[in-house]
C-alpha atoms as a PDB file:
ATOM      1  CA  UNK A   1      -0.963   6.791 -18.733  1.00  0.00           C
ATOM      2  CA  UNK A   2      -2.739   5.955 -15.461  1.00  0.00           C
ATOM      3  CA  UNK A   3      -1.610   2.932 -13.461  1.00  0.00           C
ATOM      4  CA  UNK A   4      -3.107   0.701 -10.795  1.00  0.00           C
ATOM      5  CA  UNK A   5      -0.795  -0.422  -8.037  1.00  0.00           C
ATOM      6  CA  UNK A   6      -1.677  -3.593  -6.157  1.00  0.00           C
ATOM      7  CA  UNK A   7       0.074  -4.130  -2.849  1.00  0.00           C
ATOM      8  CA  UNK A   8      -0.364  -7.320  -0.847  1.00  0.00           C
ATOM      9  CA  UNK A   9       0.645  -7.829   2.749  1.00  0.00           C
ATOM     10  CA  UNK A  10       0.277 -10.750   5.145  1.00  0.00           C
ATOM     11  CA  UNK A  11       0.135  -9.501   8.713  1.00  0.00           C
ATOM     12  CA  UNK A  12       1.371 -11.609  11.611  1.00  0.00           C
ATOM     13  CA  UNK A  13      -1.379 -13.200  13.718  1.00  0.00           C
ATOM     14  CA  UNK A  14      -2.855 -10.723  16.181  1.00  0.00           C
ATOM     15  CA  UNK A  15      -1.126  -7.682  14.615  1.00  0.00           C
ATOM     16  CA  UNK A  16      -4.037  -6.400  12.495  1.00  0.00           C
ATOM     17  CA  UNK A  17      -4.720  -3.711  15.110  1.00  0.00           C
ATOM     18  CA  UNK A  18      -1.165  -2.457  14.541  1.00  0.00           C
ATOM     19  CA  UNK A  19      -1.353  -2.619  10.746  1.00  0.00           C
ATOM     20  CA  UNK A  20      -4.549  -0.699  10.052  1.00  0.00           C
ATOM     21  CA  UNK A  21      -3.455   2.666  11.518  1.00  0.00           C
ATOM     22  CA  UNK A  22      -0.247   2.458   9.493  1.00  0.00           C
ATOM     23  CA  UNK A  23      -2.210   1.769   6.307  1.00  0.00           C
ATOM     24  CA  UNK A  24      -4.449   4.748   7.054  1.00  0.00           C
ATOM     25  CA  UNK A  25      -1.381   6.913   7.631  1.00  0.00           C
ATOM     26  CA  UNK A  26       0.099   5.825   4.296  1.00  0.00           C
ATOM     27  CA  UNK A  27      -3.173   6.578   2.503  1.00  0.00           C
ATOM     28  CA  UNK A  28      -3.427   9.986   4.137  1.00  0.00           C
ATOM     29  CA  UNK A  29       0.082  10.936   3.025  1.00  0.00           C
ATOM     30  CA  UNK A  30      -0.415   9.443  -0.456  1.00  0.00           C
ATOM     31  CA  UNK A  31      -3.508  11.593  -0.962  1.00  0.00           C
ATOM     32  CA  UNK A  32      -1.270  14.666  -0.706  1.00  0.00           C
ATOM     33  CA  UNK A  33       1.103  13.445  -3.419  1.00  0.00           C
ATOM     34  CA  UNK A  34       1.109  14.533  -7.029  1.00  0.00           C
ATOM     35  CA  UNK A  35      -0.676  12.024  -9.225  1.00  0.00           C
ATOM     36  CA  UNK A  36      -2.658  10.169  -6.558  1.00  0.00           C
ATOM     37  CA  UNK A  37      -6.201   9.456  -7.763  1.00  0.00           C
ATOM     38  CA  UNK A  38      -7.740   6.903  -5.412  1.00  0.00           C
ATOM     39  CA  UNK A  39      -7.140   3.927  -3.179  1.00  0.00           C
ATOM     40  CA  UNK A  40      -8.887   1.157  -1.326  1.00  0.00           C
ATOM     41  CA  UNK A  41      -7.909  -1.445   1.245  1.00  0.00           C
ATOM     42  CA  UNK A  42      -9.304  -4.978   1.131  1.00  0.00           C
ATOM     43  CA  UNK A  43      -9.102  -7.758   3.715  1.00  0.00           C
ATOM     44  CA  UNK A  44      -8.973 -11.381   2.604  1.00  0.00           C
ATOM     45  CA  UNK A  45     -12.062 -13.520   3.104  1.00  0.00           C
ATOM     46  CA  UNK A  46     -10.385 -16.921   2.907  1.00  0.00           C
ATOM     47  CA  UNK A  47      -7.251 -15.509   4.574  1.00  0.00           C
ATOM     48  CA  UNK A  48      -8.158 -12.653   6.955  1.00  0.00           C
ATOM     49  CA  UNK A  49      -4.470 -11.989   7.657  1.00  0.00           C
ATOM     50  CA  UNK A  50      -3.959 -10.906   4.050  1.00  0.00           C
ATOM     51  CA  UNK A  51      -4.553  -7.297   3.048  1.00  0.00           C
ATOM     52  CA  UNK A  52      -4.583  -5.818  -0.430  1.00  0.00           C
ATOM     53  CA  UNK A  53      -4.265  -2.131  -1.198  1.00  0.00           C
ATOM     54  CA  UNK A  54      -5.235  -0.972  -4.670  1.00  0.00           C
ATOM     55  CA  UNK A  55      -4.307   2.560  -5.627  1.00  0.00           C
ATOM     56  CA  UNK A  56      -4.618   4.509  -8.843  1.00  0.00           C
ATOM     57  CA  UNK A  57      -1.995   7.013  -9.999  1.00  0.00           C
ATOM     58  CA  UNK A  58      -1.929   9.306 -13.019  1.00  0.00           C
ATOM     59  CA  UNK A  59       1.421   7.886 -14.121  1.00  0.00           C
ATOM     60  CA  UNK A  60       4.032   5.301 -13.259  1.00  0.00           C
ATOM     61  CA  UNK A  61       6.431   8.166 -12.557  1.00  0.00           C
ATOM     62  CA  UNK A  62       4.079   9.578  -9.908  1.00  0.00           C
ATOM     63  CA  UNK A  63       3.797   6.169  -8.251  1.00  0.00           C
ATOM     64  CA  UNK A  64       7.564   5.653  -8.350  1.00  0.00           C
ATOM     65  CA  UNK A  65       8.126   9.080  -6.785  1.00  0.00           C
ATOM     66  CA  UNK A  66       5.770   8.188  -3.921  1.00  0.00           C
ATOM     67  CA  UNK A  67       7.164   4.679  -3.582  1.00  0.00           C
ATOM     68  CA  UNK A  68      10.694   6.033  -3.077  1.00  0.00           C
ATOM     69  CA  UNK A  69       9.623   8.929  -0.824  1.00  0.00           C
ATOM     70  CA  UNK A  70      11.425   8.830   2.562  1.00  0.00           C
ATOM     71  CA  UNK A  71       8.181   9.466   4.497  1.00  0.00           C
ATOM     72  CA  UNK A  72       6.593   6.460   2.797  1.00  0.00           C
ATOM     73  CA  UNK A  73       9.660   4.301   3.399  1.00  0.00           C
ATOM     74  CA  UNK A  74       9.570   5.144   7.107  1.00  0.00           C
ATOM     75  CA  UNK A  75       5.962   3.959   7.444  1.00  0.00           C
ATOM     76  CA  UNK A  76       6.622   0.939   5.229  1.00  0.00           C
ATOM     77  CA  UNK A  77       9.483  -0.097   7.504  1.00  0.00           C
ATOM     78  CA  UNK A  78       7.073  -0.086  10.461  1.00  0.00           C
ATOM     79  CA  UNK A  79       4.627  -2.183   8.451  1.00  0.00           C
ATOM     80  CA  UNK A  80       7.317  -4.663   7.410  1.00  0.00           C
ATOM     81  CA  UNK A  81       8.158  -5.223  11.076  1.00  0.00           C
ATOM     82  CA  UNK A  82       4.697  -6.709  11.739  1.00  0.00           C
ATOM     83  CA  UNK A  83       4.311  -8.844   8.625  1.00  0.00           C
ATOM     84  CA  UNK A  84       4.735 -12.578   8.169  1.00  0.00           C
ATOM     85  CA  UNK A  85       5.794 -12.112   4.549  1.00  0.00           C
ATOM     86  CA  UNK A  86       7.445  -9.357   2.575  1.00  0.00           C
ATOM     87  CA  UNK A  87       5.208  -6.659   1.080  1.00  0.00           C
ATOM     88  CA  UNK A  88       4.628  -7.196  -2.640  1.00  0.00           C
ATOM     89  CA  UNK A  89       3.809  -4.173  -4.808  1.00  0.00           C
ATOM     90  CA  UNK A  90       3.108  -4.391  -8.537  1.00  0.00           C
ATOM     91  CA  UNK A  91       2.060  -1.679 -10.955  1.00  0.00           C
ATOM     92  CA  UNK A  92      -0.235  -2.292 -13.915  1.00  0.00           C
ATOM     93  CA  UNK A  93      -1.257  -0.230 -16.922  1.00  0.00           C
ATOM     94  CA  UNK A  94      -4.854  -0.358 -18.020  1.00  0.00           C
ATOM     95  CA  UNK A  95      -5.382  -2.972 -20.714  1.00  0.00           C
END
């Protein structure tokens, strides 16, 4: 069953220019992974330091495989270093 994964991140003030290339790199690598369907990145209107990534995967197993992939973890560690708050990722089945 397909899943949507919603990831929220709050970037430190002035670090958006550092975050966006890392998000693009993650997306590029995710697109090569089994089960990846689509993704989009949104920037908060009321809070422009907040970013939301929504991706769609064919299964929770495919998402979990990507989420635990060492290449993804390496990029995520770089992202975490420029955030004000911890990255939050949640997976959802279609209702």
